[in-house]
N, C-alpha and C. Protein backbone atom coordinates (compact mmCIF):
# COMPACT_ATOMS: atom_id res chain seq x y z
N MET A 1 11.13 13.76 10.00
CA MET A 1 9.97 14.81 9.64
C MET A 1 10.33 16.14 9.52
N ALA A 2 9.77 16.42 8.44
CA ALA A 2 10.00 18.30 8.31
C ALA A 2 9.94 18.96 9.25
N ASN A 3 10.70 20.05 9.24
CA ASN A 3 10.93 21.19 10.20
C ASN A 3 9.34 21.81 10.13
N VAL A 4 8.41 21.97 11.18
CA VAL A 4 6.98 22.48 10.85
C VAL A 4 7.27 24.09 11.21
N GLN A 5 6.84 24.76 9.85
CA GLN A 5 6.89 26.15 10.41
C GLN A 5 5.30 26.69 10.66
N ASN A 6 4.41 26.04 10.45
CA ASN A 6 3.09 26.37 10.70
C ASN A 6 2.50 25.33 11.44
N ASN A 7 2.20 25.52 12.79
CA ASN A 7 1.73 24.53 13.70
C ASN A 7 0.13 24.06 13.09
N LYS A 8 -0.43 24.93 12.20
CA LYS A 8 -1.71 24.34 11.71
C LYS A 8 -1.72 23.01 10.89
N GLU A 9 -0.64 23.20 10.28
CA GLU A 9 -0.04 21.80 9.43
C GLU A 9 -0.26 20.64 10.05
N MET A 10 0.15 20.44 11.63
CA MET A 10 0.49 19.54 12.09
C MET A 10 -1.16 18.80 12.25
N VAL A 11 -2.07 19.26 12.55
CA VAL A 11 -3.49 18.57 12.89
C VAL A 11 -3.65 17.62 11.52
N PRO A 12 -3.58 18.13 10.37
CA PRO A 12 -4.04 17.17 9.05
C PRO A 12 -2.94 16.30 8.84
N PHE A 13 -1.82 16.68 9.10
CA PHE A 13 -0.66 15.69 8.79
C PHE A 13 -1.00 14.63 9.96
N GLU A 14 -1.17 14.75 11.44
CA GLU A 14 -1.16 13.71 11.87
C GLU A 14 -2.50 12.71 11.73
N HIS A 15 -3.59 13.32 11.22
CA HIS A 15 -4.66 12.76 10.73
C HIS A 15 -4.27 11.81 9.72
N TYR A 16 -3.63 12.21 8.77
CA TYR A 16 -3.15 11.31 7.46
C TYR A 16 -2.15 10.18 7.92
N VAL A 17 -1.42 10.67 8.66
CA VAL A 17 -0.53 9.74 9.31
C VAL A 17 -0.83 8.53 9.90
N GLY A 18 -2.10 8.87 10.77
CA GLY A 18 -3.15 7.78 11.57
C GLY A 18 -3.80 6.85 10.40
N ARG A 19 -4.20 7.50 9.39
CA ARG A 19 -4.99 6.82 8.32
C ARG A 19 -3.78 6.04 7.63
N PHE A 20 -2.72 6.48 7.26
CA PHE A 20 -1.47 5.63 6.72
C PHE A 20 -1.11 4.47 7.51
N ARG A 21 -1.19 4.32 8.67
CA ARG A 21 -0.84 3.35 9.24
C ARG A 21 -1.78 2.14 9.09
N SER A 22 -2.77 2.42 8.66
CA SER A 22 -4.12 1.20 8.58
C SER A 22 -4.23 0.76 7.34
N ILE A 23 -3.51 1.39 6.25
CA ILE A 23 -3.58 0.79 4.57
C ILE A 23 -2.94 -0.49 4.64
N ASP A 24 -3.41 -1.14 3.77
CA ASP A 24 -2.94 -2.58 3.14
C ASP A 24 -1.69 -2.08 2.54
N PRO A 25 -0.37 -2.37 2.63
CA PRO A 25 0.65 -1.89 1.87
C PRO A 25 0.68 -2.66 0.64
N ALA A 26 0.52 -3.81 0.45
CA ALA A 26 0.29 -4.42 -0.87
C ALA A 26 -0.65 -3.89 -2.00
N GLU A 27 -1.89 -3.61 -1.52
CA GLU A 27 -2.93 -2.82 -2.00
C GLU A 27 -2.48 -1.57 -2.55
N ALA A 28 -1.96 -0.78 -1.61
CA ALA A 28 -1.41 0.52 -1.86
C ALA A 28 -0.60 0.40 -3.22
N ALA A 29 0.41 -0.36 -2.93
CA ALA A 29 1.42 -0.34 -3.77
C ALA A 29 1.03 -0.56 -5.29
N ALA A 30 -0.04 -1.82 -5.45
CA ALA A 30 -0.58 -2.05 -6.51
C ALA A 30 -1.44 -1.02 -7.30
N ARG A 31 -2.04 -0.48 -6.33
CA ARG A 31 -2.96 0.73 -6.85
C ARG A 31 -2.23 1.88 -7.52
N CYS A 32 -1.21 2.03 -6.80
CA CYS A 32 -0.44 3.52 -6.88
C CYS A 32 0.44 3.14 -7.99
N GLY A 33 0.94 1.86 -8.24
CA GLY A 33 2.05 1.35 -9.26
C GLY A 33 3.21 1.71 -8.78
N VAL A 34 3.45 1.70 -7.74
CA VAL A 34 4.69 1.84 -6.82
C VAL A 34 5.36 0.75 -5.97
N ARG A 35 6.53 0.44 -5.71
CA ARG A 35 7.23 -0.65 -5.34
C ARG A 35 7.06 -0.51 -3.52
N PHE A 36 6.77 -1.77 -3.05
CA PHE A 36 6.83 -1.98 -1.50
C PHE A 36 7.79 -3.10 -1.13
N GLU A 37 8.88 -2.81 -0.56
CA GLU A 37 9.90 -3.73 -0.17
C GLU A 37 10.44 -3.22 1.19
N ALA A 38 10.64 -4.46 2.11
CA ALA A 38 11.44 -4.29 3.41
C ALA A 38 10.61 -2.99 4.04
N GLY A 39 9.28 -2.95 4.09
CA GLY A 39 8.51 -1.74 4.90
C GLY A 39 8.70 -0.62 4.43
N LYS A 40 9.18 -0.37 2.92
CA LYS A 40 9.24 0.94 2.69
C LYS A 40 8.54 1.09 1.32
N PHE A 41 7.94 2.07 0.96
CA PHE A 41 7.38 2.60 -0.29
C PHE A 41 8.14 3.08 -1.14
N ARG A 42 8.34 3.08 -2.28
CA ARG A 42 9.34 3.80 -3.08
C ARG A 42 8.58 4.77 -3.98
N VAL A 43 8.39 6.14 -3.96
CA VAL A 43 7.55 6.98 -4.56
C VAL A 43 8.40 8.26 -5.05
N ARG A 44 8.11 8.65 -6.21
CA ARG A 44 8.76 9.72 -6.97
C ARG A 44 8.09 10.90 -6.90
N LEU A 45 8.60 12.05 -6.49
CA LEU A 45 7.80 13.43 -6.60
C LEU A 45 8.86 14.27 -7.18
N PHE A 46 8.57 14.98 -8.49
CA PHE A 46 9.38 16.00 -9.04
C PHE A 46 10.79 15.54 -9.32
N GLY A 47 10.64 14.32 -9.58
CA GLY A 47 12.24 13.80 -10.26
C GLY A 47 12.97 13.20 -9.17
N VAL A 48 12.59 13.17 -7.80
CA VAL A 48 13.07 12.58 -6.90
C VAL A 48 12.42 11.41 -6.26
N ASP A 49 13.47 10.48 -5.95
CA ASP A 49 12.71 9.30 -5.27
C ASP A 49 12.86 9.36 -3.83
N TYR A 50 11.68 8.74 -3.30
CA TYR A 50 11.64 8.85 -1.78
C TYR A 50 11.40 7.42 -1.17
N ASP A 51 12.09 7.20 0.01
CA ASP A 51 11.50 6.03 0.75
C ASP A 51 10.79 6.56 1.99
N VAL A 52 9.16 5.79 1.66
CA VAL A 52 8.53 6.24 2.81
C VAL A 52 8.30 4.91 3.79
N ALA A 53 8.52 5.14 4.81
CA ALA A 53 8.41 3.69 5.97
C ALA A 53 6.94 3.76 5.95
N TRP A 54 6.62 2.42 6.48
CA TRP A 54 5.51 1.86 6.90
C TRP A 54 5.50 0.98 7.88
N PRO A 55 4.59 0.85 9.04
CA PRO A 55 3.42 1.47 9.25
C PRO A 55 3.64 2.92 10.05
N GLU A 56 4.93 2.97 10.29
CA GLU A 56 5.34 4.44 11.36
C GLU A 56 5.92 5.25 10.24
N PHE A 57 5.35 6.48 9.85
CA PHE A 57 5.68 7.20 8.72
C PHE A 57 7.00 7.81 9.29
N ALA A 58 7.98 7.47 8.10
CA ALA A 58 9.33 8.36 8.11
C ALA A 58 9.62 8.24 6.50
N ILE A 59 10.21 9.39 6.01
CA ILE A 59 10.66 9.68 4.79
C ILE A 59 12.29 9.74 4.51
N ALA A 60 12.70 9.40 3.54
CA ALA A 60 14.22 9.36 3.27
C ALA A 60 14.46 9.53 1.81
N SER A 61 15.79 9.96 1.47
CA SER A 61 16.01 9.96 0.06
C SER A 61 17.56 10.14 -0.26
N GLU A 62 17.93 9.63 -1.45
CA GLU A 62 19.33 9.63 -1.44
C GLU A 62 19.80 11.05 -2.01
N THR A 63 18.71 11.88 -2.66
CA THR A 63 18.75 13.05 -2.77
C THR A 63 18.45 14.14 -1.70
N ALA A 64 19.93 14.86 -1.16
CA ALA A 64 19.90 15.32 -0.01
C ALA A 64 18.88 16.52 0.42
N ASP A 65 18.56 17.30 -0.94
CA ASP A 65 17.84 18.44 -0.77
C ASP A 65 16.66 18.21 -1.43
N GLY A 66 15.91 16.87 -1.30
CA GLY A 66 14.73 16.81 -1.92
C GLY A 66 13.56 17.63 -1.15
N LEU A 67 12.61 18.07 -2.19
CA LEU A 67 11.70 18.97 -1.44
C LEU A 67 10.94 18.41 -0.13
N ALA A 68 10.63 17.01 -0.32
CA ALA A 68 9.51 16.30 0.46
C ALA A 68 10.28 16.03 1.78
N LEU A 69 12.07 16.12 1.87
CA LEU A 69 12.35 16.33 3.20
C LEU A 69 12.15 17.13 4.23
N SER A 70 11.80 18.30 3.66
CA SER A 70 11.66 19.63 4.54
C SER A 70 10.48 20.20 4.35
N SER A 71 9.47 19.75 3.66
CA SER A 71 8.06 20.38 3.41
C SER A 71 7.12 19.21 3.66
N LEU A 72 6.17 19.79 4.90
CA LEU A 72 5.24 18.99 5.19
C LEU A 72 3.82 18.79 4.19
N PRO A 73 3.87 19.86 3.43
CA PRO A 73 2.89 19.61 2.50
C PRO A 73 3.12 18.83 1.38
N ALA A 74 4.34 18.51 1.10
CA ALA A 74 4.80 17.48 0.35
C ALA A 74 4.39 16.04 0.75
N GLN A 75 4.94 16.22 2.12
CA GLN A 75 4.96 14.88 2.71
C GLN A 75 3.20 14.53 2.98
N MET A 76 2.35 15.45 2.95
CA MET A 76 1.01 15.06 3.02
C MET A 76 0.33 14.89 1.65
N LEU A 77 1.29 15.20 0.72
CA LEU A 77 0.64 14.86 -0.62
C LEU A 77 1.03 13.55 -0.98
N LEU A 78 2.33 13.11 -0.58
CA LEU A 78 2.87 11.72 -0.81
C LEU A 78 1.60 10.71 -0.24
N ILE A 79 1.42 10.88 1.16
CA ILE A 79 0.69 9.94 2.00
C ILE A 79 -0.74 9.83 1.32
N ARG A 80 -1.68 11.09 0.99
CA ARG A 80 -2.74 11.00 0.12
C ARG A 80 -2.55 10.32 -0.96
N PHE A 81 -1.59 10.42 -1.74
CA PHE A 81 -1.20 9.60 -2.99
C PHE A 81 -1.54 8.23 -2.53
N LEU A 82 -0.66 7.87 -1.65
CA LEU A 82 -0.91 6.25 -1.18
C LEU A 82 -1.95 5.73 -0.61
N LEU A 83 -2.93 6.61 -0.02
CA LEU A 83 -4.13 6.44 0.74
C LEU A 83 -5.43 6.24 -0.54
N GLU A 84 -5.06 7.37 -1.53
CA GLU A 84 -6.42 7.28 -2.37
C GLU A 84 -5.86 7.43 -3.86
N GLY A 85 -4.48 7.39 -4.08
CA GLY A 85 -4.39 7.79 -5.40
C GLY A 85 -4.29 6.55 -6.36
N ARG A 86 -3.65 6.59 -7.48
CA ARG A 86 -3.86 5.26 -8.52
C ARG A 86 -3.05 5.61 -9.55
N ALA A 87 -2.02 4.48 -10.39
CA ALA A 87 -1.43 4.63 -11.37
C ALA A 87 -2.27 5.17 -12.54
N SER A 88 -1.77 5.92 -13.39
CA SER A 88 -2.69 6.55 -14.49
C SER A 88 -1.70 7.30 -15.45
N VAL A 89 -2.17 6.91 -16.74
CA VAL A 89 -1.46 7.56 -17.83
C VAL A 89 -2.25 8.67 -18.38
N GLY A 90 -2.22 9.91 -18.71
CA GLY A 90 -3.23 10.87 -19.56
C GLY A 90 -3.23 10.43 -20.92
N THR A 91 -3.99 10.85 -21.66
CA THR A 91 -4.29 10.82 -23.12
C THR A 91 -3.16 11.62 -23.97
N GLY A 92 -2.56 12.60 -23.22
CA GLY A 92 -1.82 13.53 -24.07
C GLY A 92 -2.35 14.92 -24.07
N ALA A 93 -3.68 15.05 -23.60
CA ALA A 93 -4.34 16.36 -23.49
C ALA A 93 -3.91 16.78 -22.00
N PHE A 94 -3.79 18.33 -22.14
CA PHE A 94 -3.61 19.09 -20.90
C PHE A 94 -4.64 19.97 -20.58
N LEU A 95 -5.07 20.14 -19.26
CA LEU A 95 -6.43 20.93 -19.01
C LEU A 95 -6.07 21.75 -17.70
N PRO A 96 -6.68 23.40 -18.10
CA PRO A 96 -6.58 24.31 -17.04
C PRO A 96 -7.20 23.97 -15.99
N TYR A 97 -7.07 24.14 -14.45
CA TYR A 97 -7.67 23.82 -13.14
C TYR A 97 -9.21 23.79 -13.39
N ARG A 98 -9.68 24.95 -14.18
CA ARG A 98 -11.14 25.28 -13.85
C ARG A 98 -11.79 24.25 -14.75
N GLU A 99 -10.98 23.79 -15.60
CA GLU A 99 -11.86 22.39 -16.43
C GLU A 99 -12.14 21.04 -15.77
N MET A 100 -11.38 21.05 -14.74
CA MET A 100 -11.39 19.84 -13.88
C MET A 100 -12.50 19.72 -13.17
N PRO A 101 -12.93 18.41 -12.22
CA PRO A 101 -13.73 18.50 -11.39
C PRO A 101 -13.62 19.46 -10.26
N TRP A 102 -14.62 20.26 -10.00
CA TRP A 102 -14.51 21.26 -8.66
C TRP A 102 -13.83 22.36 -9.13
N GLY A 103 -13.01 22.45 -10.33
CA GLY A 103 -12.04 23.56 -10.78
C GLY A 103 -12.94 25.03 -10.63
N GLU A 104 -14.15 25.05 -11.24
CA GLU A 104 -14.76 26.30 -11.07
C GLU A 104 -15.14 26.96 -9.44
N VAL A 105 -15.22 25.91 -8.69
CA VAL A 105 -15.57 26.32 -7.19
C VAL A 105 -14.32 26.75 -6.65
N TYR A 106 -13.13 26.13 -6.84
CA TYR A 106 -11.88 26.27 -6.02
C TYR A 106 -10.85 27.08 -7.07
N ILE A 107 -11.40 27.87 -7.90
CA ILE A 107 -10.41 28.77 -8.82
C ILE A 107 -9.85 29.73 -8.41
N LYS A 108 -10.47 30.52 -7.35
CA LYS A 108 -9.89 31.41 -6.64
C LYS A 108 -8.81 31.45 -5.93
N PRO A 109 -8.75 30.39 -4.96
CA PRO A 109 -7.50 29.95 -4.13
C PRO A 109 -6.38 29.62 -5.02
N PHE A 110 -6.78 28.74 -6.06
CA PHE A 110 -5.69 28.14 -7.03
C PHE A 110 -5.09 29.54 -7.80
N THR A 111 -5.89 30.44 -8.14
CA THR A 111 -5.44 31.51 -8.99
C THR A 111 -4.36 32.20 -7.93
N GLY A 112 -4.88 32.25 -6.59
CA GLY A 112 -3.95 32.98 -5.60
C GLY A 112 -2.69 32.40 -5.27
N ARG A 113 -2.95 31.21 -4.91
CA ARG A 113 -1.59 30.33 -4.41
C ARG A 113 -0.84 30.04 -5.50
N CYS A 114 -1.17 29.94 -6.97
CA CYS A 114 -0.47 29.04 -7.82
C CYS A 114 -0.37 30.29 -9.17
N LEU A 115 -1.26 30.67 -9.77
CA LEU A 115 -1.20 31.54 -10.87
C LEU A 115 -0.32 32.95 -10.56
N THR A 116 -0.68 33.44 -9.68
CA THR A 116 -0.61 34.76 -9.41
C THR A 116 0.76 34.67 -8.73
N ARG A 117 1.20 33.83 -8.05
CA ARG A 117 2.33 33.63 -7.46
C ARG A 117 3.66 33.10 -8.35
N ALA A 118 3.13 32.25 -9.43
CA ALA A 118 4.12 31.86 -10.42
C ALA A 118 4.32 33.17 -11.56
N ALA A 119 3.29 33.79 -11.60
CA ALA A 119 3.37 35.09 -12.62
C ALA A 119 4.45 35.97 -12.13
N PHE A 120 4.46 36.40 -10.76
CA PHE A 120 5.48 37.42 -10.20
C PHE A 120 6.42 36.98 -9.44
N SER A 121 6.58 35.58 -9.35
CA SER A 121 7.80 35.08 -9.00
C SER A 121 8.57 34.64 -10.06
N PHE A 122 8.24 34.30 -11.47
CA PHE A 122 9.04 33.93 -12.41
C PHE A 122 8.88 35.12 -13.71
N GLY A 123 7.80 35.59 -13.93
CA GLY A 123 7.63 36.51 -15.01
C GLY A 123 8.42 37.75 -14.74
N THR A 124 8.90 37.97 -13.69
CA THR A 124 9.64 39.30 -13.57
C THR A 124 11.14 38.78 -13.44
N ARG A 125 11.49 37.58 -13.55
CA ARG A 125 12.87 37.04 -13.53
C ARG A 125 13.05 35.59 -14.78
N LEU A 126 12.55 36.25 -15.71
CA LEU A 126 12.59 35.16 -16.46
C LEU A 126 13.92 34.31 -17.11
N ALA A 127 15.07 35.02 -16.92
CA ALA A 127 16.32 34.37 -17.19
C ALA A 127 16.67 33.40 -16.19
N ALA A 128 16.29 33.93 -14.66
CA ALA A 128 16.75 33.12 -13.63
C ALA A 128 15.75 32.01 -13.76
N PHE A 129 14.44 32.10 -14.08
CA PHE A 129 13.52 31.02 -14.08
C PHE A 129 14.04 29.92 -15.18
N ASP A 130 14.38 30.52 -16.37
CA ASP A 130 15.01 29.63 -17.29
C ASP A 130 16.04 28.68 -16.87
N ALA A 131 16.83 29.38 -16.25
CA ALA A 131 18.23 28.84 -15.60
C ALA A 131 17.86 27.69 -14.71
N ALA A 132 17.06 27.86 -13.75
CA ALA A 132 16.39 26.91 -12.72
C ALA A 132 15.66 25.60 -13.23
N MET A 133 15.00 25.96 -14.46
CA MET A 133 14.56 24.96 -15.15
C MET A 133 15.37 24.15 -15.60
N GLU A 134 16.41 24.65 -16.51
CA GLU A 134 17.39 23.99 -17.08
C GLU A 134 18.05 23.14 -16.28
N ARG A 135 18.15 23.13 -15.04
CA ARG A 135 18.96 22.47 -13.79
C ARG A 135 18.02 21.47 -13.05
N SER A 136 16.80 21.63 -13.43
CA SER A 136 15.47 20.53 -12.94
C SER A 136 15.20 19.31 -14.04
N PRO A 137 14.66 18.52 -13.65
CA PRO A 137 14.22 17.45 -14.57
C PRO A 137 12.95 18.05 -15.25
N ALA A 138 12.89 18.82 -16.13
CA ALA A 138 11.93 19.55 -16.89
C ALA A 138 12.10 19.28 -18.51
N MET A 139 11.17 19.56 -19.07
CA MET A 139 11.21 19.39 -20.64
C MET A 139 10.99 21.01 -20.96
N ARG A 140 11.67 21.70 -21.89
CA ARG A 140 11.06 22.76 -22.48
C ARG A 140 9.98 22.42 -23.60
N ILE A 141 9.02 23.40 -23.55
CA ILE A 141 7.85 23.36 -24.63
C ILE A 141 7.65 24.66 -25.14
N LYS A 142 6.70 24.67 -26.20
CA LYS A 142 6.55 25.82 -26.68
C LYS A 142 5.26 26.53 -26.07
N GLY A 143 5.57 27.91 -25.98
CA GLY A 143 4.15 28.73 -25.32
C GLY A 143 4.76 29.74 -24.49
N GLY A 144 3.83 30.66 -24.65
CA GLY A 144 4.08 32.29 -23.64
C GLY A 144 5.56 32.41 -24.22
N ASP A 145 6.21 33.02 -23.07
CA ASP A 145 7.57 33.68 -23.00
C ASP A 145 8.57 32.71 -22.88
N SER A 146 7.92 31.64 -21.87
CA SER A 146 9.00 30.36 -21.50
C SER A 146 7.84 29.41 -21.21
N ALA A 147 8.16 28.12 -21.25
CA ALA A 147 7.27 27.15 -20.91
C ALA A 147 7.83 25.69 -20.72
N TRP A 148 7.42 25.08 -19.69
CA TRP A 148 8.28 23.72 -19.28
C TRP A 148 7.15 22.60 -18.98
N GLN A 149 7.35 21.52 -19.08
CA GLN A 149 6.56 20.21 -18.82
C GLN A 149 7.38 19.50 -17.52
N VAL A 150 6.86 19.26 -16.40
CA VAL A 150 7.50 18.54 -15.33
C VAL A 150 6.60 17.60 -15.00
N GLU A 151 7.40 16.45 -14.70
CA GLU A 151 6.61 15.28 -14.05
C GLU A 151 6.37 15.40 -12.72
N VAL A 152 5.43 15.41 -12.11
CA VAL A 152 5.23 15.56 -10.63
C VAL A 152 4.98 14.31 -9.94
N MET A 153 4.33 13.12 -10.45
CA MET A 153 4.64 11.66 -10.19
C MET A 153 4.51 10.94 -11.42
N PRO A 154 5.17 9.54 -11.56
CA PRO A 154 5.06 9.09 -12.88
C PRO A 154 3.76 8.85 -13.37
N GLY A 155 3.59 9.06 -14.67
CA GLY A 155 2.23 9.21 -15.53
C GLY A 155 1.39 10.55 -15.24
N TYR A 156 1.87 11.45 -14.38
CA TYR A 156 1.36 12.77 -14.13
C TYR A 156 2.01 13.86 -14.35
N GLU A 157 1.69 14.71 -15.45
CA GLU A 157 2.55 15.70 -15.64
C GLU A 157 1.89 17.30 -15.47
N VAL A 158 2.59 18.30 -15.62
CA VAL A 158 2.16 19.77 -15.28
C VAL A 158 2.78 20.36 -16.36
N ARG A 159 1.98 21.39 -17.08
CA ARG A 159 2.96 22.58 -17.99
C ARG A 159 2.79 23.63 -17.37
N LEU A 160 3.91 24.49 -17.12
CA LEU A 160 3.89 25.71 -16.69
C LEU A 160 4.46 26.81 -17.56
N ILE A 161 3.34 27.59 -17.96
CA ILE A 161 3.64 28.78 -18.86
C ILE A 161 3.88 30.09 -18.28
N VAL A 162 4.81 30.77 -18.89
CA VAL A 162 5.05 32.16 -18.06
C VAL A 162 5.04 33.24 -19.29
N TRP A 163 4.40 34.40 -19.02
CA TRP A 163 4.91 35.45 -19.90
C TRP A 163 5.37 36.47 -19.05
N GLU A 164 6.41 37.27 -19.73
CA GLU A 164 7.18 38.13 -18.90
C GLU A 164 6.47 39.71 -18.96
N GLY A 165 6.35 40.21 -17.82
CA GLY A 165 5.89 41.74 -17.62
C GLY A 165 6.53 42.58 -18.32
N ASP A 166 6.01 43.61 -18.61
CA ASP A 166 6.59 44.88 -19.44
C ASP A 166 6.06 46.04 -18.65
N ASP A 167 6.27 47.20 -19.42
CA ASP A 167 5.61 48.58 -18.75
C ASP A 167 4.01 48.77 -19.08
N GLU A 168 3.68 47.58 -20.04
CA GLU A 168 2.34 47.86 -20.18
C GLU A 168 1.32 46.83 -19.86
N PHE A 169 1.86 45.49 -19.62
CA PHE A 169 1.19 44.46 -19.18
C PHE A 169 1.87 43.79 -17.96
N PRO A 170 1.19 43.26 -16.94
CA PRO A 170 1.90 42.54 -15.74
C PRO A 170 2.17 41.18 -16.00
N PRO A 171 2.92 40.54 -15.45
CA PRO A 171 3.40 39.23 -15.89
C PRO A 171 2.30 38.30 -15.59
N ASN A 172 2.23 37.11 -16.26
CA ASN A 172 1.03 36.24 -16.49
C ASN A 172 1.83 34.71 -16.25
N ALA A 173 0.69 33.81 -15.88
CA ALA A 173 1.34 32.37 -15.91
C ALA A 173 0.04 31.49 -15.84
N GLN A 174 0.23 30.12 -16.57
CA GLN A 174 -0.86 29.51 -16.80
C GLN A 174 -0.17 28.11 -16.08
N ILE A 175 -0.87 27.15 -15.70
CA ILE A 175 -0.47 25.99 -15.19
C ILE A 175 -1.72 24.91 -15.86
N LEU A 176 -1.17 24.03 -16.49
CA LEU A 176 -2.11 22.96 -17.29
C LEU A 176 -1.64 21.89 -16.62
N PHE A 177 -2.73 20.85 -16.21
CA PHE A 177 -2.59 19.49 -16.03
C PHE A 177 -2.81 18.36 -16.88
N SER A 178 -2.00 17.26 -16.86
CA SER A 178 -2.48 16.14 -17.74
C SER A 178 -3.80 15.77 -17.42
N ASP A 179 -4.59 15.04 -18.43
CA ASP A 179 -6.23 15.16 -18.26
C ASP A 179 -6.43 13.82 -17.36
N ASN A 180 -5.53 13.14 -16.85
CA ASN A 180 -5.61 12.17 -16.04
C ASN A 180 -5.76 12.46 -14.43
N PHE A 181 -5.17 13.87 -14.07
CA PHE A 181 -5.15 14.14 -12.78
C PHE A 181 -6.31 13.94 -11.94
N PRO A 182 -7.62 14.32 -12.27
CA PRO A 182 -8.84 13.74 -11.56
C PRO A 182 -8.60 12.42 -10.88
N GLN A 183 -7.92 11.74 -11.50
CA GLN A 183 -8.27 10.18 -11.31
C GLN A 183 -7.40 9.92 -9.89
N ALA A 184 -6.50 10.58 -9.55
CA ALA A 184 -5.64 10.51 -8.39
C ALA A 184 -5.74 11.83 -7.45
N PHE A 185 -6.01 13.03 -7.98
CA PHE A 185 -5.93 14.20 -7.11
C PHE A 185 -6.96 14.87 -7.16
N SER A 186 -7.46 15.31 -5.79
CA SER A 186 -8.71 16.29 -5.53
C SER A 186 -8.34 17.63 -6.04
N ALA A 187 -9.35 18.23 -6.09
CA ALA A 187 -9.06 19.75 -6.25
C ALA A 187 -8.24 20.35 -5.58
N GLU A 188 -8.25 20.15 -3.99
CA GLU A 188 -7.17 20.71 -3.19
C GLU A 188 -5.87 20.36 -3.40
N ASP A 189 -5.93 18.88 -3.56
CA ASP A 189 -4.48 18.39 -3.92
C ASP A 189 -3.80 18.88 -5.39
N ARG A 190 -4.64 19.44 -6.18
CA ARG A 190 -4.19 20.04 -7.56
C ARG A 190 -3.54 21.36 -7.12
N THR A 191 -4.17 22.14 -6.15
CA THR A 191 -3.54 23.46 -5.76
C THR A 191 -2.18 23.16 -4.90
N VAL A 192 -2.24 22.32 -4.24
CA VAL A 192 -1.13 21.75 -3.39
C VAL A 192 0.01 21.36 -4.51
N VAL A 193 -0.19 20.60 -5.53
CA VAL A 193 0.88 20.38 -6.67
C VAL A 193 1.25 21.69 -7.19
N GLY A 194 0.44 22.57 -7.62
CA GLY A 194 1.07 23.64 -8.21
C GLY A 194 1.91 24.68 -7.16
N ASP A 195 1.26 24.82 -6.18
CA ASP A 195 2.06 25.36 -5.06
C ASP A 195 3.41 24.93 -4.54
N LEU A 196 3.52 23.44 -4.64
CA LEU A 196 5.01 22.86 -4.36
C LEU A 196 5.73 23.02 -5.56
N LEU A 197 5.19 22.80 -6.69
CA LEU A 197 5.89 22.97 -7.93
C LEU A 197 6.68 24.36 -7.97
N ILE A 198 6.08 25.67 -7.68
CA ILE A 198 6.66 26.80 -7.33
C ILE A 198 7.45 26.86 -6.29
N SER A 199 7.44 26.57 -5.33
CA SER A 199 8.66 26.28 -4.39
C SER A 199 9.65 25.72 -4.64
N ASP A 200 9.51 24.71 -5.49
CA ASP A 200 10.59 23.66 -5.94
C ASP A 200 11.42 24.47 -6.78
N ILE A 201 10.63 25.08 -7.84
CA ILE A 201 11.57 25.73 -8.66
C ILE A 201 12.30 26.97 -7.87
N LYS A 202 11.42 28.12 -6.94
CA LYS A 202 12.09 29.09 -6.47
C LYS A 202 13.27 28.89 -5.70
N ARG A 203 13.38 27.80 -5.08
CA ARG A 203 14.75 27.31 -4.39
C ARG A 203 16.02 26.80 -4.92
N ARG A 204 15.46 26.78 -6.59
CA ARG A 204 16.57 26.41 -7.44
C ARG A 204 17.31 27.86 -8.23
N MET A 205 16.23 29.10 -7.84
CA MET A 205 16.61 30.21 -8.54
C MET A 205 17.79 31.05 -7.82
């Protein structure tokens, strides 16, 4: 289990672990398009494969520094995907947060937790940002001063676009989601995805 830095995270985590114990693993594996063998789901997050044990939740990976090994929000995201998510492939279109279901309602927390954080984390250190992305399983794309496409889970992609700040304008950032995201991720989960993406990049810088 992750090292818990915020005890408030434990209440929802234990709730989802309780729900996780009661799922039908064969149904969840088929719905989510993941493998279930020898009491473990194999789930990929940000390019790292994790073995998620069922029914008693435990997580392991051959990648020693995988984000979900030490992040309770990442573990909750994996559990919620197995509970309610589904395998899906987008059409190739990408949407901003506010254009997806409930996006207008929750745009303020998404902006603070993700867009502003990304802008000031990466737009002020563009060279370090690019170097970190080059070391990660990401694909450079056109856009802004630096833009990258990242696989969150198989079939679910995000684009992170950053504009560097200068004397006249502050740094800026945008996160776009493949248009199938609403099929598996709630508005809150989409915010968590953005937050985790930024944390995963920052630890590589």
